[in-house]
């Protein structure tokens, strides 16, 4: 299940035995004509801390990292 953390960023949570992992997605170009947008995977499985750090370095908008932090319960 995708969880939108901004207009351009979604994450999905993958349950594991020891810890949960996360994957980040961005919308594909040309989605404006589609009813249901398609998403492109930007990362592989990452821990919550690794995903938070990746979001902080990848996006100038710190709201994405803050939203993820809230969703991940950090």
PDB file of N, CA and C in Angstrom:
ATOM      1  N   UNK A   1       0.838  -1.165   0.000  1.00  0.00           N
ATOM      2  CA  UNK A   1       0.000   0.000   0.000  1.00  0.00           C
ATOM      3  C   UNK A   1       0.895   1.244   0.000  1.00  0.00           C
ATOM      4  N   UNK A   2       0.589   2.173  -0.882  1.00  0.00           N
ATOM      5  CA  UNK A   2       1.334   3.429  -0.953  1.00  0.00           C
ATOM      6  C   UNK A   2       0.815   4.406   0.094  1.00  0.00           C
ATOM      7  N   UNK A   3       1.745   5.107   0.709  1.00  0.00           N
ATOM      8  CA  UNK A   3       1.412   6.168   1.652  1.00  0.00           C
ATOM      9  C   UNK A   3       2.007   7.444   1.078  1.00  0.00           C
ATOM     10  N   UNK A   4       1.156   8.393   0.704  1.00  0.00           N
ATOM     11  CA  UNK A   4       1.633   9.655   0.139  1.00  0.00           C
ATOM     12  C   UNK A   4       2.182  10.535   1.248  1.00  0.00           C
ATOM     13  N   UNK A   5       3.417  10.988   1.077  1.00  0.00           N
ATOM     14  CA  UNK A   5       3.986  11.919   2.051  1.00  0.00           C
ATOM     15  C   UNK A   5       4.114  13.321   1.463  1.00  0.00           C
ATOM     16  N   UNK A   6       3.877  13.448   0.159  1.00  0.00           N
ATOM     17  CA  UNK A   6       3.782  14.747  -0.509  1.00  0.00           C
ATOM     18  C   UNK A   6       3.124  14.489  -1.861  1.00  0.00           C
ATOM     19  N   UNK A   7       2.983  15.542  -2.669  1.00  0.00           N
ATOM     20  CA  UNK A   7       2.391  15.364  -3.998  1.00  0.00           C
ATOM     21  C   UNK A   7       3.275  14.526  -4.909  1.00  0.00           C
ATOM     22  N   UNK A   8       4.577  14.514  -4.637  1.00  0.00           N
ATOM     23  CA  UNK A   8       5.520  13.847  -5.530  1.00  0.00           C
ATOM     24  C   UNK A   8       6.247  12.670  -4.909  1.00  0.00           C
ATOM     25  N   UNK A   9       5.913  12.313  -3.689  1.00  0.00           N
ATOM     26  CA  UNK A   9       6.635  11.230  -3.020  1.00  0.00           C
ATOM     27  C   UNK A   9       5.653  10.318  -2.288  1.00  0.00           C
ATOM     28  N   UNK A  10       5.805   9.030  -2.512  1.00  0.00           N
ATOM     29  CA  UNK A  10       5.056   8.018  -1.769  1.00  0.00           C
ATOM     30  C   UNK A  10       6.037   6.997  -1.230  1.00  0.00           C
ATOM     31  N   UNK A  11       5.650   6.332  -0.165  1.00  0.00           N
ATOM     32  CA  UNK A  11       6.448   5.250   0.391  1.00  0.00           C
ATOM     33  C   UNK A  11       5.546   4.043   0.594  1.00  0.00           C
ATOM     34  N   UNK A  12       6.149   2.875   0.639  1.00  0.00           N
ATOM     35  CA  UNK A  12       5.416   1.665   0.997  1.00  0.00           C
ATOM     36  C   UNK A  12       6.178   0.962   2.106  1.00  0.00           C
ATOM     37  N   UNK A  13       5.423   0.393   3.030  1.00  0.00           N
ATOM     38  CA  UNK A  13       5.994  -0.272   4.199  1.00  0.00           C
ATOM     39  C   UNK A  13       5.979  -1.777   3.961  1.00  0.00           C
ATOM     40  N   UNK A  14       7.086  -2.424   4.280  1.00  0.00           N
ATOM     41  CA  UNK A  14       7.219  -3.873   4.125  1.00  0.00           C
ATOM     42  C   UNK A  14       7.600  -4.456   5.478  1.00  0.00           C
ATOM     43  N   UNK A  15       6.734  -5.322   5.997  1.00  0.00           N
ATOM     44  CA  UNK A  15       6.942  -5.884   7.328  1.00  0.00           C
ATOM     45  C   UNK A  15       8.014  -6.954   7.301  1.00  0.00           C
ATOM     46  N   UNK A  16       8.886  -6.910   8.291  1.00  0.00           N
ATOM     47  CA  UNK A  16       9.958  -7.890   8.417  1.00  0.00           C
ATOM     48  C   UNK A  16       9.957  -8.498   9.799  1.00  0.00           C
ATOM     49  N   UNK A  17      10.795  -9.506  10.006  1.00  0.00           N
ATOM     50  CA  UNK A  17      10.868 -10.167  11.307  1.00  0.00           C
ATOM     51  C   UNK A  17      11.470  -9.260  12.369  1.00  0.00           C
ATOM     52  N   UNK A  18      12.574  -8.622  12.069  1.00  0.00           N
ATOM     53  CA  UNK A  18      13.284  -7.782  13.030  1.00  0.00           C
ATOM     54  C   UNK A  18      12.855  -6.315  12.953  1.00  0.00           C
ATOM     55  N   UNK A  19      12.652  -5.829  11.734  1.00  0.00           N
ATOM     56  CA  UNK A  19      12.291  -4.423  11.549  1.00  0.00           C
ATOM     57  C   UNK A  19      11.497  -4.259  10.264  1.00  0.00           C
ATOM     58  N   UNK A  20      10.800  -3.145  10.163  1.00  0.00           N
ATOM     59  CA  UNK A  20      10.075  -2.831   8.948  1.00  0.00           C
ATOM     60  C   UNK A  20      11.026  -2.162   7.963  1.00  0.00           C
ATOM     61  N   UNK A  21      10.761  -2.370   6.684  1.00  0.00           N
ATOM     62  CA  UNK A  21      11.554  -1.741   5.633  1.00  0.00           C
ATOM     63  C   UNK A  21      10.635  -0.863   4.800  1.00  0.00           C
ATOM     64  N   UNK A  22      11.224   0.069   4.093  1.00  0.00           N
ATOM     65  CA  UNK A  22      10.474   1.051   3.316  1.00  0.00           C
ATOM     66  C   UNK A  22      11.055   1.179   1.915  1.00  0.00           C
ATOM     67  N   UNK A  23      10.191   1.515   0.947  1.00  0.00           N
ATOM     68  CA  UNK A  23      10.593   1.819  -0.428  1.00  0.00           C
ATOM     69  C   UNK A  23       9.968   3.162  -0.792  1.00  0.00           C
ATOM     70  N   UNK A  24      10.705   4.006  -1.491  1.00  0.00           N
ATOM     71  CA  UNK A  24      10.228   5.324  -1.912  1.00  0.00           C
ATOM     72  C   UNK A  24       9.884   5.296  -3.403  1.00  0.00           C
ATOM     73  N   UNK A  25       8.830   6.016  -3.780  1.00  0.00           N
ATOM     74  CA  UNK A  25       8.359   6.091  -5.163  1.00  0.00           C
ATOM     75  C   UNK A  25       8.098   7.541  -5.549  1.00  0.00           C
ATOM     76  N   UNK A  26       8.262   7.824  -6.846  1.00  0.00           N
ATOM     77  CA  UNK A  26       7.890   9.109  -7.433  1.00  0.00           C
ATOM     78  C   UNK A  26       6.967   8.830  -8.612  1.00  0.00           C
ATOM     79  N   UNK A  27       6.074   9.771  -8.960  1.00  0.00           N
ATOM     80  CA  UNK A  27       5.183   9.543 -10.101  1.00  0.00           C
ATOM     81  C   UNK A  27       5.956   9.535 -11.422  1.00  0.00           C
ATOM     82  N   UNK A  28       5.500   8.712 -12.340  1.00  0.00           N
ATOM     83  CA  UNK A  28       6.079   8.699 -13.682  1.00  0.00           C
ATOM     84  C   UNK A  28       5.664   9.951 -14.435  1.00  0.00           C
ATOM     85  N   UNK A  29       6.492  10.396 -15.355  1.00  0.00           N
ATOM     86  CA  UNK A  29       6.132  11.543 -16.185  1.00  0.00           C
ATOM     87  C   UNK A  29       4.973  11.157 -17.093  1.00  0.00           C
ATOM     88  N   UNK A  30       4.107  12.127 -17.402  1.00  0.00           N
ATOM     89  CA  UNK A  30       2.969  11.882 -18.275  1.00  0.00           C
ATOM     90  C   UNK A  30       1.757  11.340 -17.549  1.00  0.00           C
ATOM     91  N   UNK A  31       1.757  11.397 -16.231  1.00  0.00           N
ATOM     92  CA  UNK A  31       0.635  10.893 -15.446  1.00  0.00           C
ATOM     93  C   UNK A  31      -0.570  11.824 -15.446  1.00  0.00           C
ATOM     94  N   UNK A  32      -0.403  13.069 -15.937  1.00  0.00           N
ATOM     95  CA  UNK A  32      -1.499  14.026 -15.853  1.00  0.00           C
ATOM     96  C   UNK A  32      -2.718  13.597 -16.662  1.00  0.00           C
ATOM     97  N   UNK A  33      -2.568  12.690 -17.619  1.00  0.00           N
ATOM     98  CA  UNK A  33      -3.707  12.236 -18.403  1.00  0.00           C
ATOM     99  C   UNK A  33      -4.337  10.966 -17.837  1.00  0.00           C
ATOM    100  N   UNK A  34      -3.768  10.420 -16.798  1.00  0.00           N
ATOM    101  CA  UNK A  34      -4.253   9.160 -16.224  1.00  0.00           C
ATOM    102  C   UNK A  34      -5.134   9.426 -15.014  1.00  0.00           C
ATOM    103  N   UNK A  35      -6.173   8.580 -14.882  1.00  0.00           N
ATOM    104  CA  UNK A  35      -7.009   8.659 -13.687  1.00  0.00           C
ATOM    105  C   UNK A  35      -6.246   8.183 -12.461  1.00  0.00           C
ATOM    106  N   UNK A  36      -5.532   7.089 -12.628  1.00  0.00           N
ATOM    107  CA  UNK A  36      -4.752   6.511 -11.535  1.00  0.00           C
ATOM    108  C   UNK A  36      -3.278   6.600 -11.923  1.00  0.00           C
ATOM    109  N   UNK A  37      -2.507   7.440 -11.237  1.00  0.00           N
ATOM    110  CA  UNK A  37      -1.104   7.637 -11.634  1.00  0.00           C
ATOM    111  C   UNK A  37      -0.241   6.391 -11.434  1.00  0.00           C
ATOM    112  N   UNK A  38       0.764   6.265 -12.270  1.00  0.00           N
ATOM    113  CA  UNK A  38       1.752   5.202 -12.125  1.00  0.00           C
ATOM    114  C   UNK A  38       2.942   5.759 -11.360  1.00  0.00           C
ATOM    115  N   UNK A  39       3.569   4.908 -10.558  1.00  0.00           N
ATOM    116  CA  UNK A  39       4.685   5.327  -9.718  1.00  0.00           C
ATOM    117  C   UNK A  39       5.946   4.569 -10.094  1.00  0.00           C
ATOM    118  N   UNK A  40       7.082   5.244  -9.987  1.00  0.00           N
ATOM    119  CA  UNK A  40       8.389   4.662 -10.290  1.00  0.00           C
ATOM    120  C   UNK A  40       9.163   4.501  -8.986  1.00  0.00           C
ATOM    121  N   UNK A  41       9.712   3.326  -8.788  1.00  0.00           N
ATOM    122  CA  UNK A  41      10.479   3.053  -7.574  1.00  0.00           C
ATOM    123  C   UNK A  41      11.795   3.829  -7.598  1.00  0.00           C
ATOM    124  N   UNK A  42      12.089   4.521  -6.507  1.00  0.00           N
ATOM    125  CA  UNK A  42      13.308   5.325  -6.405  1.00  0.00           C
ATOM    126  C   UNK A  42      14.377   4.670  -5.542  1.00  0.00           C
ATOM    127  N   UNK A  43      13.964   3.797  -4.628  1.00  0.00           N
ATOM    128  CA  UNK A  43      14.916   3.142  -3.730  1.00  0.00           C
ATOM    129  C   UNK A  43      14.581   1.664  -3.630  1.00  0.00           C
ATOM    130  N   UNK A  44      15.506   0.928  -3.079  1.00  0.00           N
ATOM    131  CA  UNK A  44      15.232  -0.444  -2.680  1.00  0.00           C
ATOM    132  C   UNK A  44      14.723  -0.434  -1.251  1.00  0.00           C
ATOM    133  N   UNK A  45      14.662  -1.610  -0.642  1.00  0.00           N
ATOM    134  CA  UNK A  45      14.241  -1.691   0.753  1.00  0.00           C
ATOM    135  C   UNK A  45      15.253  -0.983   1.644  1.00  0.00           C
ATOM    136  N   UNK A  46      14.750  -0.135   2.521  1.00  0.00           N
ATOM    137  CA  UNK A  46      15.611   0.617   3.438  1.00  0.00           C
ATOM    138  C   UNK A  46      14.982   0.609   4.823  1.00  0.00           C
ATOM    139  N   UNK A  47      15.823   0.690   5.840  1.00  0.00           N
ATOM    140  CA  UNK A  47      15.310   0.840   7.202  1.00  0.00           C
ATOM    141  C   UNK A  47      14.673   2.228   7.322  1.00  0.00           C
ATOM    142  N   UNK A  48      13.901   2.437   8.380  1.00  0.00           N
ATOM    143  CA  UNK A  48      13.261   3.741   8.586  1.00  0.00           C
ATOM    144  C   UNK A  48      14.307   4.846   8.713  1.00  0.00           C
ATOM    145  N   UNK A  49      15.381   4.593   9.456  1.00  0.00           N
ATOM    146  CA  UNK A  49      16.435   5.607   9.606  1.00  0.00           C
ATOM    147  C   UNK A  49      17.112   5.911   8.280  1.00  0.00           C
ATOM    148  N   UNK A  50      17.405   4.875   7.503  1.00  0.00           N
ATOM    149  CA  UNK A  50      18.048   5.075   6.202  1.00  0.00           C
ATOM    150  C   UNK A  50      17.124   5.842   5.253  1.00  0.00           C
ATOM    151  N   UNK A  51      15.825   5.524   5.276  1.00  0.00           N
ATOM    152  CA  UNK A  51      14.867   6.229   4.414  1.00  0.00           C
ATOM    153  C   UNK A  51      14.766   7.693   4.827  1.00  0.00           C
ATOM    154  N   UNK A  52      14.710   7.956   6.108  1.00  0.00           N
ATOM    155  CA  UNK A  52      14.642   9.340   6.591  1.00  0.00           C
ATOM    156  C   UNK A  52      15.874  10.125   6.138  1.00  0.00           C
ATOM    157  N   UNK A  53      17.055   9.541   6.290  1.00  0.00           N
ATOM    158  CA  UNK A  53      18.289  10.202   5.843  1.00  0.00           C
ATOM    159  C   UNK A  53      18.293  10.417   4.339  1.00  0.00           C
ATOM    160  N   UNK A  54      17.837   9.426   3.580  1.00  0.00           N
ATOM    161  CA  UNK A  54      17.785   9.539   2.119  1.00  0.00           C
ATOM    162  C   UNK A  54      16.854  10.682   1.714  1.00  0.00           C
ATOM    163  N   UNK A  55      15.684  10.760   2.351  1.00  0.00           N
ATOM    164  CA  UNK A  55      14.737  11.834   2.033  1.00  0.00           C
ATOM    165  C   UNK A  55      15.322  13.204   2.368  1.00  0.00           C
ATOM    166  N   UNK A  56      16.020  13.307   3.483  1.00  0.00           N
ATOM    167  CA  UNK A  56      16.619  14.591   3.874  1.00  0.00           C
ATOM    168  C   UNK A  56      17.674  15.043   2.872  1.00  0.00           C
ATOM    169  N   UNK A  57      18.433  14.117   2.315  1.00  0.00           N
ATOM    170  CA  UNK A  57      19.491  14.478   1.365  1.00  0.00           C
ATOM    171  C   UNK A  57      18.977  14.607  -0.067  1.00  0.00           C
ATOM    172  N   UNK A  58      17.924  13.891  -0.400  1.00  0.00           N
ATOM    173  CA  UNK A  58      17.427  13.850  -1.772  1.00  0.00           C
ATOM    174  C   UNK A  58      16.494  15.021  -2.099  1.00  0.00           C
ATOM    175  N   UNK A  59      15.729  15.485  -1.124  1.00  0.00           N
ATOM    176  CA  UNK A  59      14.707  16.501  -1.377  1.00  0.00           C
ATOM    177  C   UNK A  59      14.976  17.753  -0.555  1.00  0.00           C
ATOM    178  N   UNK A  60      14.896  18.901  -1.214  1.00  0.00           N
ATOM    179  CA  UNK A  60      15.107  20.175  -0.525  1.00  0.00           C
ATOM    180  C   UNK A  60      13.962  20.469   0.447  1.00  0.00           C
ATOM    181  N   UNK A  61      12.774  19.954   0.131  1.00  0.00           N
ATOM    182  CA  UNK A  61      11.605  20.164   0.978  1.00  0.00           C
ATOM    183  C   UNK A  61      11.695  19.249   2.200  1.00  0.00           C
ATOM    184  N   UNK A  62      11.975  19.824   3.356  1.00  0.00           N
ATOM    185  CA  UNK A  62      12.126  19.022   4.575  1.00  0.00           C
ATOM    186  C   UNK A  62      10.798  18.469   5.078  1.00  0.00           C
ATOM    187  N   UNK A  63       9.671  18.942   4.508  1.00  0.00           N
ATOM    188  CA  UNK A  63       8.371  18.416   4.922  1.00  0.00           C
ATOM    189  C   UNK A  63       8.240  16.936   4.587  1.00  0.00           C
ATOM    190  N   UNK A  64       8.872  16.483   3.521  1.00  0.00           N
ATOM    191  CA  UNK A  64       8.806  15.064   3.149  1.00  0.00           C
ATOM    192  C   UNK A  64       9.463  14.206   4.217  1.00  0.00           C
ATOM    193  N   UNK A  65      10.630  14.608   4.681  1.00  0.00           N
ATOM    194  CA  UNK A  65      11.325  13.854   5.727  1.00  0.00           C
ATOM    195  C   UNK A  65      10.541  13.894   7.029  1.00  0.00           C
ATOM    196  N   UNK A  66       9.955  15.043   7.351  1.00  0.00           N
ATOM    197  CA  UNK A  66       9.153  15.163   8.574  1.00  0.00           C
ATOM    198  C   UNK A  66       7.901  14.305   8.498  1.00  0.00           C
ATOM    199  N   UNK A  67       7.239  14.306   7.337  1.00  0.00           N
ATOM    200  CA  UNK A  67       6.040  13.484   7.164  1.00  0.00           C
ATOM    201  C   UNK A  67       6.385  12.006   7.288  1.00  0.00           C
ATOM    202  N   UNK A  68       7.504  11.599   6.695  1.00  0.00           N
ATOM    203  CA  UNK A  68       7.918  10.203   6.814  1.00  0.00           C
ATOM    204  C   UNK A  68       8.220   9.852   8.265  1.00  0.00           C
ATOM    205  N   UNK A  69       8.897  10.742   8.958  1.00  0.00           N
ATOM    206  CA  UNK A  69       9.244  10.515  10.360  1.00  0.00           C
ATOM    207  C   UNK A  69       7.977  10.274  11.182  1.00  0.00           C
ATOM    208  N   UNK A  70       6.940  11.036  10.912  1.00  0.00           N
ATOM    209  CA  UNK A  70       5.666  10.878  11.613  1.00  0.00           C
ATOM    210  C   UNK A  70       5.004   9.542  11.262  1.00  0.00           C
ATOM    211  N   UNK A  71       4.987   9.198   9.980  1.00  0.00           N
ATOM    212  CA  UNK A  71       4.369   7.947   9.523  1.00  0.00           C
ATOM    213  C   UNK A  71       5.107   6.734  10.077  1.00  0.00           C
ATOM    214  N   UNK A  72       6.430   6.800  10.101  1.00  0.00           N
ATOM    215  CA  UNK A  72       7.241   5.666  10.555  1.00  0.00           C
ATOM    216  C   UNK A  72       7.287   5.560  12.078  1.00  0.00           C
ATOM    217  N   UNK A  73       6.766   6.568  12.775  1.00  0.00           N
ATOM    218  CA  UNK A  73       6.761   6.540  14.234  1.00  0.00           C
ATOM    219  C   UNK A  73       8.134   6.727  14.842  1.00  0.00           C
ATOM    220  N   UNK A  74       8.934   7.565  14.223  1.00  0.00           N
ATOM    221  CA  UNK A  74      10.307   7.808  14.697  1.00  0.00           C
ATOM    222  C   UNK A  74      10.336   8.937  15.714  1.00  0.00           C
TER     223      UNK A  74
END
